[in-house]
Amino acid sequence: MALNQAVLYEGTVPHETKMLVSLASSYASGCLYCQSHMANLSSIYKASDEKIAALWNFEESELFTPAERAAVRLALKAAKQPNEATQADFDALKEHFDDGQIVEIVASIALFGYLNRWNDTMATELEPLAVEVAERTIGPVGWEPGKHG
């Protein structure tokens, strides 16, 4: 829990951005449990339901800033296959974030590398609030609780 606290809630990257990065990481890995929780936390940290649902279309969506696009792009690549992250991805991040903030973003991706594998492998049971928010925000784009229900 201390690692989770430090990675997600400390530092200078906006909380909404960290939550969306963590949601993107969970999308890329396929962890339905973490997708529901990060949809909930994204909502708590002021991402609109429309923005959360538009995450898979972040490149074209006007709901995302260029900084958010750079962070989400890296999250999707690194969570899917770490060696897909390129220097160009980091150059795009450097247009919006300093070195410390880039470490925060990568730490969020890495934290969810662990959490996604743990919760999906263990088929962790979803809590009702996470299910409710996920059904509201990402249910319309195909989310279902799967083995976590």
N, C-alpha and C. Protein backbone atom coordinates (compact mmCIF):
# COMPACT_ATOMS: atom_id res chain seq x y z
N MET A 1 0.82 -1.19 0.00
CA MET A 1 0.00 0.00 0.00
C MET A 1 0.86 1.26 0.00
N ALA A 2 2.03 1.21 0.66
CA ALA A 2 2.91 2.38 0.67
C ALA A 2 3.43 2.67 -0.74
N LEU A 3 3.74 1.63 -1.49
CA LEU A 3 4.20 1.83 -2.86
C LEU A 3 3.08 2.44 -3.70
N ASN A 4 1.88 1.91 -3.58
CA ASN A 4 0.72 2.45 -4.30
C ASN A 4 0.53 3.93 -3.95
N GLN A 5 0.62 4.26 -2.67
CA GLN A 5 0.46 5.65 -2.21
C GLN A 5 1.53 6.54 -2.85
N ALA A 6 2.76 6.11 -2.80
CA ALA A 6 3.85 6.93 -3.33
C ALA A 6 3.72 7.13 -4.84
N VAL A 7 3.42 6.06 -5.55
CA VAL A 7 3.38 6.14 -7.00
C VAL A 7 2.19 6.97 -7.50
N LEU A 8 1.01 6.69 -6.96
CA LEU A 8 -0.19 7.34 -7.51
C LEU A 8 -0.51 8.69 -6.91
N TYR A 9 -0.10 8.93 -5.68
CA TYR A 9 -0.60 10.13 -4.99
C TYR A 9 0.47 11.15 -4.61
N GLU A 10 1.73 10.84 -4.86
CA GLU A 10 2.80 11.78 -4.58
C GLU A 10 3.41 12.23 -5.89
N GLY A 11 4.07 13.38 -5.88
CA GLY A 11 4.70 13.90 -7.08
C GLY A 11 3.91 15.05 -7.68
N THR A 12 4.28 15.43 -8.90
CA THR A 12 3.69 16.61 -9.52
C THR A 12 2.89 16.33 -10.79
N VAL A 13 2.89 15.10 -11.27
CA VAL A 13 2.03 14.77 -12.41
C VAL A 13 0.59 14.85 -11.92
N PRO A 14 -0.30 15.49 -12.68
CA PRO A 14 -1.70 15.57 -12.24
C PRO A 14 -2.27 14.17 -11.95
N HIS A 15 -3.03 14.09 -10.87
CA HIS A 15 -3.63 12.79 -10.49
C HIS A 15 -4.48 12.22 -11.61
N GLU A 16 -5.25 13.05 -12.28
CA GLU A 16 -6.08 12.56 -13.38
C GLU A 16 -5.22 11.86 -14.43
N THR A 17 -4.08 12.46 -14.77
CA THR A 17 -3.19 11.85 -15.76
C THR A 17 -2.66 10.51 -15.28
N LYS A 18 -2.25 10.43 -14.02
CA LYS A 18 -1.75 9.15 -13.49
C LYS A 18 -2.83 8.08 -13.52
N MET A 19 -4.06 8.47 -13.20
CA MET A 19 -5.15 7.49 -13.20
C MET A 19 -5.44 7.01 -14.62
N LEU A 20 -5.42 7.92 -15.58
CA LEU A 20 -5.65 7.53 -16.98
C LEU A 20 -4.51 6.67 -17.50
N VAL A 21 -3.28 6.97 -17.12
CA VAL A 21 -2.13 6.14 -17.49
C VAL A 21 -2.30 4.73 -16.91
N SER A 22 -2.73 4.65 -15.68
CA SER A 22 -2.93 3.35 -15.02
C SER A 22 -4.08 2.59 -15.66
N LEU A 23 -5.13 3.29 -16.05
CA LEU A 23 -6.25 2.67 -16.77
C LEU A 23 -5.77 2.16 -18.12
N ALA A 24 -4.99 2.95 -18.84
CA ALA A 24 -4.47 2.51 -20.14
C ALA A 24 -3.58 1.29 -19.97
N SER A 25 -2.76 1.27 -18.93
CA SER A 25 -1.92 0.10 -18.66
C SER A 25 -2.77 -1.14 -18.43
N SER A 26 -3.86 -0.96 -17.71
CA SER A 26 -4.76 -2.07 -17.42
C SER A 26 -5.52 -2.52 -18.67
N TYR A 27 -5.87 -1.59 -19.54
CA TYR A 27 -6.47 -1.96 -20.83
C TYR A 27 -5.49 -2.82 -21.62
N ALA A 28 -4.24 -2.36 -21.71
CA ALA A 28 -3.25 -3.06 -22.52
C ALA A 28 -2.99 -4.47 -22.01
N SER A 29 -3.01 -4.64 -20.69
CA SER A 29 -2.73 -5.97 -20.13
C SER A 29 -3.98 -6.84 -20.09
N GLY A 30 -5.15 -6.22 -20.18
CA GLY A 30 -6.40 -6.97 -20.18
C GLY A 30 -6.97 -7.25 -18.81
N CYS A 31 -6.47 -6.59 -17.76
CA CYS A 31 -6.97 -6.85 -16.41
C CYS A 31 -8.28 -6.10 -16.17
N LEU A 32 -9.37 -6.82 -16.16
CA LEU A 32 -10.70 -6.23 -15.98
C LEU A 32 -10.88 -5.67 -14.57
N TYR A 33 -10.26 -6.31 -13.60
CA TYR A 33 -10.34 -5.82 -12.22
C TYR A 33 -9.73 -4.42 -12.12
N CYS A 34 -8.50 -4.28 -12.60
CA CYS A 34 -7.83 -2.98 -12.51
C CYS A 34 -8.48 -1.94 -13.42
N GLN A 35 -9.04 -2.38 -14.54
CA GLN A 35 -9.77 -1.44 -15.40
C GLN A 35 -10.92 -0.81 -14.62
N SER A 36 -11.65 -1.62 -13.88
CA SER A 36 -12.79 -1.09 -13.13
C SER A 36 -12.33 -0.13 -12.04
N HIS A 37 -11.28 -0.49 -11.33
CA HIS A 37 -10.79 0.37 -10.26
C HIS A 37 -10.19 1.67 -10.80
N MET A 38 -9.50 1.59 -11.92
CA MET A 38 -8.90 2.80 -12.46
C MET A 38 -9.94 3.67 -13.17
N ALA A 39 -11.00 3.09 -13.68
CA ALA A 39 -12.12 3.91 -14.17
C ALA A 39 -12.71 4.67 -12.99
N ASN A 40 -12.86 4.00 -11.86
CA ASN A 40 -13.38 4.65 -10.66
C ASN A 40 -12.46 5.78 -10.19
N LEU A 41 -11.16 5.50 -10.09
CA LEU A 41 -10.23 6.53 -9.62
C LEU A 41 -10.09 7.66 -10.64
N SER A 42 -10.15 7.34 -11.92
CA SER A 42 -10.12 8.40 -12.93
C SER A 42 -11.32 9.33 -12.74
N SER A 43 -12.46 8.74 -12.46
CA SER A 43 -13.67 9.53 -12.21
C SER A 43 -13.52 10.39 -10.95
N ILE A 44 -13.00 9.80 -9.90
CA ILE A 44 -12.79 10.54 -8.65
C ILE A 44 -11.86 11.72 -8.88
N TYR A 45 -10.84 11.52 -9.72
CA TYR A 45 -9.87 12.58 -9.98
C TYR A 45 -10.23 13.40 -11.21
N LYS A 46 -11.53 13.56 -11.43
CA LYS A 46 -12.12 14.56 -12.34
C LYS A 46 -12.13 14.23 -13.82
N ALA A 47 -11.78 13.01 -14.23
CA ALA A 47 -11.97 12.65 -15.63
C ALA A 47 -13.46 12.40 -15.85
N SER A 48 -13.99 12.97 -16.90
CA SER A 48 -15.41 12.79 -17.19
C SER A 48 -15.66 11.36 -17.67
N ASP A 49 -16.91 10.92 -17.55
CA ASP A 49 -17.27 9.59 -18.06
C ASP A 49 -16.94 9.49 -19.55
N GLU A 50 -17.16 10.58 -20.29
CA GLU A 50 -16.88 10.58 -21.73
C GLU A 50 -15.39 10.40 -22.00
N LYS A 51 -14.56 11.06 -21.20
CA LYS A 51 -13.12 10.95 -21.39
C LYS A 51 -12.64 9.55 -21.06
N ILE A 52 -13.16 8.98 -19.98
CA ILE A 52 -12.77 7.62 -19.60
C ILE A 52 -13.16 6.65 -20.71
N ALA A 53 -14.36 6.79 -21.24
CA ALA A 53 -14.82 5.91 -22.32
C ALA A 53 -14.03 6.12 -23.61
N ALA A 54 -13.50 7.33 -23.81
CA ALA A 54 -12.76 7.66 -25.03
C ALA A 54 -11.29 7.26 -24.98
N LEU A 55 -10.87 6.62 -23.91
CA LEU A 55 -9.45 6.31 -23.76
C LEU A 55 -8.90 5.52 -24.94
N TRP A 56 -9.68 4.57 -25.47
CA TRP A 56 -9.18 3.78 -26.60
C TRP A 56 -9.07 4.61 -27.87
N ASN A 57 -9.67 5.78 -27.88
CA ASN A 57 -9.62 6.67 -29.03
C ASN A 57 -8.88 7.96 -28.66
N PHE A 58 -7.96 7.87 -27.73
CA PHE A 58 -7.30 9.06 -27.17
C PHE A 58 -6.55 9.87 -28.22
N GLU A 59 -6.02 9.23 -29.25
CA GLU A 59 -5.24 9.96 -30.26
C GLU A 59 -6.11 10.95 -31.02
N GLU A 60 -7.36 10.59 -31.26
CA GLU A 60 -8.25 11.46 -32.03
C GLU A 60 -9.18 12.28 -31.15
N SER A 61 -9.36 11.88 -29.92
CA SER A 61 -10.31 12.55 -29.05
C SER A 61 -9.81 13.92 -28.61
N GLU A 62 -10.65 14.93 -28.76
CA GLU A 62 -10.28 16.27 -28.30
C GLU A 62 -10.39 16.40 -26.79
N LEU A 63 -10.82 15.35 -26.11
CA LEU A 63 -10.90 15.36 -24.65
C LEU A 63 -9.52 15.23 -23.99
N PHE A 64 -8.53 14.79 -24.77
CA PHE A 64 -7.18 14.56 -24.24
C PHE A 64 -6.24 15.67 -24.68
N THR A 65 -5.43 16.14 -23.74
CA THR A 65 -4.41 17.13 -24.06
C THR A 65 -3.23 16.43 -24.74
N PRO A 66 -2.37 17.19 -25.41
CA PRO A 66 -1.16 16.57 -25.97
C PRO A 66 -0.31 15.87 -24.90
N ALA A 67 -0.24 16.44 -23.71
CA ALA A 67 0.53 15.80 -22.62
C ALA A 67 -0.09 14.47 -22.24
N GLU A 68 -1.40 14.43 -22.11
CA GLU A 68 -2.08 13.17 -21.77
C GLU A 68 -1.90 12.15 -22.88
N ARG A 69 -1.97 12.59 -24.13
CA ARG A 69 -1.77 11.66 -25.24
C ARG A 69 -0.38 11.02 -25.18
N ALA A 70 0.63 11.83 -24.91
CA ALA A 70 1.99 11.29 -24.83
C ALA A 70 2.11 10.26 -23.71
N ALA A 71 1.50 10.55 -22.56
CA ALA A 71 1.57 9.64 -21.41
C ALA A 71 0.78 8.36 -21.66
N VAL A 72 -0.41 8.47 -22.22
CA VAL A 72 -1.24 7.29 -22.49
C VAL A 72 -0.60 6.44 -23.57
N ARG A 73 -0.04 7.07 -24.58
CA ARG A 73 0.63 6.33 -25.66
C ARG A 73 1.75 5.45 -25.08
N LEU A 74 2.56 6.03 -24.21
CA LEU A 74 3.63 5.26 -23.58
C LEU A 74 3.05 4.13 -22.74
N ALA A 75 2.00 4.42 -21.99
CA ALA A 75 1.39 3.40 -21.13
C ALA A 75 0.90 2.20 -21.93
N LEU A 76 0.23 2.46 -23.04
CA LEU A 76 -0.28 1.35 -23.85
C LEU A 76 0.85 0.50 -24.42
N LYS A 77 1.90 1.16 -24.87
CA LYS A 77 3.03 0.40 -25.42
C LYS A 77 3.77 -0.37 -24.34
N ALA A 78 4.14 0.31 -23.26
CA ALA A 78 4.95 -0.32 -22.22
C ALA A 78 4.20 -1.42 -21.49
N ALA A 79 2.90 -1.26 -21.31
CA ALA A 79 2.12 -2.30 -20.61
C ALA A 79 1.89 -3.51 -21.50
N LYS A 80 1.82 -3.30 -22.78
CA LYS A 80 1.62 -4.41 -23.71
C LYS A 80 2.92 -5.20 -23.88
N GLN A 81 3.98 -4.49 -24.21
CA GLN A 81 5.30 -5.09 -24.44
C GLN A 81 6.32 -3.99 -24.19
N PRO A 82 7.04 -4.03 -23.07
CA PRO A 82 7.91 -2.91 -22.72
C PRO A 82 8.85 -2.43 -23.82
N ASN A 83 9.34 -3.33 -24.65
CA ASN A 83 10.27 -2.88 -25.68
C ASN A 83 9.58 -2.18 -26.84
N GLU A 84 8.25 -2.04 -26.79
CA GLU A 84 7.56 -1.23 -27.79
C GLU A 84 7.72 0.26 -27.51
N ALA A 85 8.08 0.62 -26.29
CA ALA A 85 8.33 2.03 -25.96
C ALA A 85 9.63 2.45 -26.64
N THR A 86 9.58 3.59 -27.34
CA THR A 86 10.72 4.04 -28.11
C THR A 86 11.23 5.39 -27.60
N GLN A 87 12.37 5.78 -28.12
CA GLN A 87 12.90 7.10 -27.79
C GLN A 87 11.93 8.18 -28.23
N ALA A 88 11.24 7.98 -29.33
CA ALA A 88 10.25 8.96 -29.79
C ALA A 88 9.15 9.15 -28.76
N ASP A 89 8.76 8.07 -28.08
CA ASP A 89 7.74 8.18 -27.03
C ASP A 89 8.25 9.04 -25.88
N PHE A 90 9.51 8.87 -25.52
CA PHE A 90 10.08 9.67 -24.43
C PHE A 90 10.33 11.11 -24.87
N ASP A 91 10.68 11.29 -26.13
CA ASP A 91 10.83 12.66 -26.64
C ASP A 91 9.49 13.39 -26.58
N ALA A 92 8.41 12.70 -26.89
CA ALA A 92 7.07 13.31 -26.81
C ALA A 92 6.73 13.66 -25.36
N LEU A 93 7.08 12.79 -24.43
CA LEU A 93 6.85 13.09 -23.02
C LEU A 93 7.64 14.32 -22.58
N LYS A 94 8.89 14.43 -23.04
CA LYS A 94 9.75 15.54 -22.63
C LYS A 94 9.23 16.89 -23.09
N GLU A 95 8.32 16.90 -24.06
CA GLU A 95 7.71 18.16 -24.49
C GLU A 95 6.76 18.71 -23.43
N HIS A 96 6.32 17.84 -22.50
CA HIS A 96 5.30 18.22 -21.53
C HIS A 96 5.68 17.97 -20.08
N PHE A 97 6.65 17.09 -19.85
CA PHE A 97 6.99 16.67 -18.49
C PHE A 97 8.49 16.76 -18.28
N ASP A 98 8.89 17.05 -17.03
CA ASP A 98 10.32 17.03 -16.70
C ASP A 98 10.73 15.59 -16.37
N ASP A 99 12.02 15.39 -16.14
CA ASP A 99 12.53 14.03 -15.91
C ASP A 99 11.86 13.35 -14.71
N GLY A 100 11.67 14.10 -13.63
CA GLY A 100 11.01 13.53 -12.45
C GLY A 100 9.59 13.10 -12.74
N GLN A 101 8.88 13.88 -13.52
CA GLN A 101 7.50 13.53 -13.88
C GLN A 101 7.46 12.31 -14.80
N ILE A 102 8.44 12.18 -15.67
CA ILE A 102 8.50 11.00 -16.53
C ILE A 102 8.71 9.75 -15.68
N VAL A 103 9.54 9.87 -14.65
CA VAL A 103 9.73 8.75 -13.72
C VAL A 103 8.39 8.41 -13.05
N GLU A 104 7.63 9.41 -12.66
CA GLU A 104 6.31 9.17 -12.05
C GLU A 104 5.39 8.40 -13.01
N ILE A 105 5.39 8.79 -14.27
CA ILE A 105 4.53 8.13 -15.27
C ILE A 105 4.96 6.69 -15.46
N VAL A 106 6.26 6.47 -15.60
CA VAL A 106 6.76 5.10 -15.78
C VAL A 106 6.51 4.27 -14.52
N ALA A 107 6.62 4.89 -13.35
CA ALA A 107 6.33 4.17 -12.10
C ALA A 107 4.87 3.73 -12.06
N SER A 108 3.97 4.57 -12.55
CA SER A 108 2.55 4.18 -12.59
C SER A 108 2.35 2.98 -13.51
N ILE A 109 3.00 3.01 -14.65
CA ILE A 109 2.91 1.88 -15.59
C ILE A 109 3.47 0.62 -14.95
N ALA A 110 4.62 0.73 -14.31
CA ALA A 110 5.26 -0.42 -13.67
C ALA A 110 4.43 -0.97 -12.52
N LEU A 111 3.86 -0.07 -11.70
CA LEU A 111 3.00 -0.52 -10.60
C LEU A 111 1.85 -1.36 -11.14
N PHE A 112 1.26 -0.91 -12.23
CA PHE A 112 0.14 -1.67 -12.77
C PHE A 112 0.59 -2.92 -13.52
N GLY A 113 1.84 -2.97 -13.93
CA GLY A 113 2.37 -4.24 -14.45
C GLY A 113 2.23 -5.33 -13.40
N TYR A 114 2.53 -4.98 -12.16
CA TYR A 114 2.38 -5.91 -11.04
C TYR A 114 0.91 -6.13 -10.70
N LEU A 115 0.18 -5.04 -10.46
CA LEU A 115 -1.21 -5.17 -10.01
C LEU A 115 -2.09 -5.88 -11.03
N ASN A 116 -1.87 -5.61 -12.32
CA ASN A 116 -2.65 -6.28 -13.36
C ASN A 116 -2.41 -7.78 -13.33
N ARG A 117 -1.18 -8.17 -13.21
CA ARG A 117 -0.88 -9.60 -13.20
C ARG A 117 -1.39 -10.28 -11.94
N TRP A 118 -1.27 -9.62 -10.80
CA TRP A 118 -1.75 -10.19 -9.54
C TRP A 118 -3.27 -10.36 -9.58
N ASN A 119 -3.99 -9.28 -9.84
CA ASN A 119 -5.45 -9.33 -9.76
C ASN A 119 -6.08 -10.19 -10.84
N ASP A 120 -5.49 -10.20 -12.03
CA ASP A 120 -6.07 -11.03 -13.08
C ASP A 120 -5.77 -12.50 -12.84
N THR A 121 -4.55 -12.82 -12.44
CA THR A 121 -4.19 -14.21 -12.17
C THR A 121 -5.00 -14.78 -11.01
N MET A 122 -5.18 -13.98 -9.96
CA MET A 122 -5.90 -14.42 -8.78
C MET A 122 -7.42 -14.31 -8.93
N ALA A 123 -7.88 -13.76 -10.05
CA ALA A 123 -9.32 -13.55 -10.28
C ALA A 123 -9.95 -12.83 -9.08
N THR A 124 -9.26 -11.78 -8.64
CA THR A 124 -9.72 -11.01 -7.48
C THR A 124 -11.16 -10.56 -7.68
N GLU A 125 -11.98 -10.77 -6.66
CA GLU A 125 -13.40 -10.42 -6.76
C GLU A 125 -13.57 -8.90 -6.74
N LEU A 126 -14.37 -8.43 -7.66
CA LEU A 126 -14.63 -6.99 -7.78
C LEU A 126 -15.59 -6.51 -6.70
N GLU A 127 -15.31 -5.32 -6.22
CA GLU A 127 -16.18 -4.67 -5.24
C GLU A 127 -17.32 -3.97 -5.98
N PRO A 128 -18.49 -3.87 -5.35
CA PRO A 128 -19.67 -3.31 -6.02
C PRO A 128 -19.48 -1.90 -6.59
N LEU A 129 -18.80 -1.00 -5.87
CA LEU A 129 -18.63 0.36 -6.38
C LEU A 129 -17.80 0.36 -7.66
N ALA A 130 -16.74 -0.43 -7.69
CA ALA A 130 -15.90 -0.49 -8.90
C ALA A 130 -16.70 -1.02 -10.08
N VAL A 131 -17.54 -2.01 -9.84
CA VAL A 131 -18.40 -2.55 -10.90
C VAL A 131 -19.36 -1.47 -11.39
N GLU A 132 -19.97 -0.76 -10.47
CA GLU A 132 -20.94 0.28 -10.82
C GLU A 132 -20.30 1.36 -11.70
N VAL A 133 -19.14 1.83 -11.30
CA VAL A 133 -18.48 2.89 -12.07
C VAL A 133 -18.01 2.36 -13.42
N ALA A 134 -17.45 1.17 -13.45
CA ALA A 134 -16.98 0.58 -14.71
C ALA A 134 -18.14 0.37 -15.67
N GLU A 135 -19.26 -0.11 -15.17
CA GLU A 135 -20.42 -0.29 -16.05
C GLU A 135 -20.88 1.05 -16.62
N ARG A 136 -20.80 2.10 -15.81
CA ARG A 136 -21.24 3.43 -16.26
C ARG A 136 -20.26 4.05 -17.26
N THR A 137 -18.96 3.90 -17.01
CA THR A 137 -17.96 4.61 -17.80
C THR A 137 -17.40 3.80 -18.97
N ILE A 138 -17.02 2.56 -18.73
CA ILE A 138 -16.40 1.77 -19.80
C ILE A 138 -17.26 0.59 -20.24
N GLY A 139 -18.38 0.38 -19.57
CA GLY A 139 -19.33 -0.64 -20.02
C GLY A 139 -19.81 -0.38 -21.45
N PRO A 140 -20.14 0.87 -21.78
CA PRO A 140 -20.59 1.16 -23.14
C PRO A 140 -19.56 0.86 -24.23
N VAL A 141 -18.29 0.75 -23.87
CA VAL A 141 -17.27 0.42 -24.87
C VAL A 141 -16.79 -1.03 -24.72
N GLY A 142 -17.58 -1.84 -24.00
CA GLY A 142 -17.33 -3.27 -23.98
C GLY A 142 -16.85 -3.89 -22.68
N TRP A 143 -16.64 -3.11 -21.61
CA TRP A 143 -16.15 -3.70 -20.37
C TRP A 143 -17.22 -4.59 -19.72
N GLU A 144 -16.79 -5.74 -19.25
CA GLU A 144 -17.61 -6.66 -18.45
C GLU A 144 -16.71 -7.21 -17.35
N PRO A 145 -17.28 -7.62 -16.20
CA PRO A 145 -16.44 -8.07 -15.09
C PRO A 145 -15.69 -9.37 -15.35
N GLY A 146 -16.12 -10.15 -16.30
CA GLY A 146 -15.42 -11.40 -16.60
C GLY A 146 -15.30 -12.28 -15.37
N LYS A 147 -14.15 -12.89 -15.16
CA LYS A 147 -13.95 -13.82 -14.05
C LYS A 147 -13.90 -13.13 -12.70
N HIS A 148 -13.96 -11.80 -12.69
CA HIS A 148 -13.86 -11.05 -11.44
C HIS A 148 -15.24 -10.75 -10.84
N GLY A 149 -16.29 -11.15 -11.51
CA GLY A 149 -17.65 -10.82 -11.06
C GLY A 149 -18.16 -11.69 -9.95
